[in-house]
Amino acid sequence: MKNFPHASFPPETIALMTTAMDNALARLPHPVLSVHVKSIAETILRSAQEGERDPLALERMAFLELMISPRD
């Protein structure tokens, strides 16, 4: 992961991020690629670090970024 060396979150925020991550991964077609998991996780971490606390918003932002990010 990049740009999160000193990230720290309270347990409530971690629970919200976990919910967003689980819901996002459940929507991906199988097999789920590790690059997609990493992208979703990074977006959720960055968005939570910026103050977002709505799990649905975290999930949506992760998918939007996944859709617009360059393909390898």
Protein backbone atom coordinates (compact mmCIF):
# COMPACT_ATOMS: atom_id res chain seq x y z
CA MET A 1 0.00 0.00 0.00
CA LYS A 2 1.17 3.48 -0.67
CA ASN A 3 0.87 6.77 1.18
CA PHE A 4 -0.46 5.37 4.45
CA PRO A 5 2.62 4.98 6.69
CA HIS A 6 1.07 6.78 9.67
CA ALA A 7 -2.62 6.10 9.15
CA SER A 8 -4.48 5.43 12.35
CA PHE A 9 -8.21 4.86 12.77
CA PRO A 10 -10.49 4.21 15.74
CA PRO A 11 -12.26 0.83 15.90
CA GLU A 12 -15.56 2.34 14.69
CA THR A 13 -13.94 3.66 11.52
CA ILE A 14 -12.17 0.35 10.91
CA ALA A 15 -15.56 -1.38 11.16
CA LEU A 16 -17.01 1.04 8.57
CA MET A 17 -14.05 0.51 6.24
CA THR A 18 -14.35 -3.26 6.64
CA THR A 19 -18.03 -3.12 5.72
CA ALA A 20 -17.25 -1.04 2.63
CA MET A 21 -14.43 -3.39 1.60
CA ASP A 22 -16.51 -6.54 2.11
CA ASN A 23 -19.44 -5.11 0.14
CA ALA A 24 -17.18 -3.92 -2.67
CA LEU A 25 -15.41 -7.26 -2.99
CA ALA A 26 -18.72 -9.12 -2.99
CA ARG A 27 -19.77 -7.14 -6.08
CA LEU A 28 -16.67 -7.97 -8.12
CA PRO A 29 -16.85 -10.83 -10.62
CA HIS A 30 -14.87 -13.94 -9.76
CA PRO A 31 -12.00 -14.53 -9.86
CA VAL A 32 -11.22 -11.31 -8.03
CA LEU A 33 -7.89 -9.90 -9.13
CA SER A 34 -5.44 -8.82 -6.44
CA VAL A 35 -4.83 -5.54 -8.27
CA HIS A 36 -8.54 -4.72 -7.87
CA VAL A 37 -8.48 -5.61 -4.17
CA LYS A 38 -5.47 -3.34 -3.69
CA SER A 39 -7.08 -0.46 -5.60
CA ILE A 40 -10.32 -0.71 -3.60
CA ALA A 41 -8.45 -0.93 -0.30
CA GLU A 42 -6.28 2.09 -1.11
CA THR A 43 -9.27 4.19 -2.12
CA ILE A 44 -11.17 3.27 1.04
CA LEU A 45 -8.14 4.05 3.21
CA ARG A 46 -7.50 7.38 1.49
CA SER A 47 -11.17 8.39 1.63
CA ALA A 48 -11.45 7.47 5.31
CA GLN A 49 -8.24 9.35 6.04
CA GLU A 50 -9.85 12.40 4.39
CA GLY A 51 -12.85 12.08 6.72
CA GLU A 52 -15.45 10.01 4.86
CA ARG A 53 -17.38 7.73 7.24
CA ASP A 54 -20.31 6.48 5.16
CA PRO A 55 -19.61 2.86 4.13
CA LEU A 56 -21.75 3.22 1.00
CA ALA A 57 -19.87 6.35 -0.04
CA LEU A 58 -16.53 4.60 0.60
CA GLU A 59 -17.65 1.68 -1.55
CA ARG A 60 -18.87 3.96 -4.36
CA MET A 61 -15.65 5.98 -4.39
CA ALA A 62 -13.62 2.78 -4.58
CA PHE A 63 -15.61 1.56 -7.58
CA LEU A 64 -15.43 4.91 -9.34
CA GLU A 65 -11.67 5.00 -8.97
CA LEU A 66 -11.41 1.39 -10.09
CA MET A 67 -13.41 2.25 -13.22
CA ILE A 68 -11.30 5.28 -14.17
CA SER A 69 -7.87 3.94 -13.24
CA PRO A 70 -5.59 2.89 -16.10
CA ARG A 71 -5.64 -0.78 -17.00
CA ASP A 72 -2.41 -2.77 -17.00
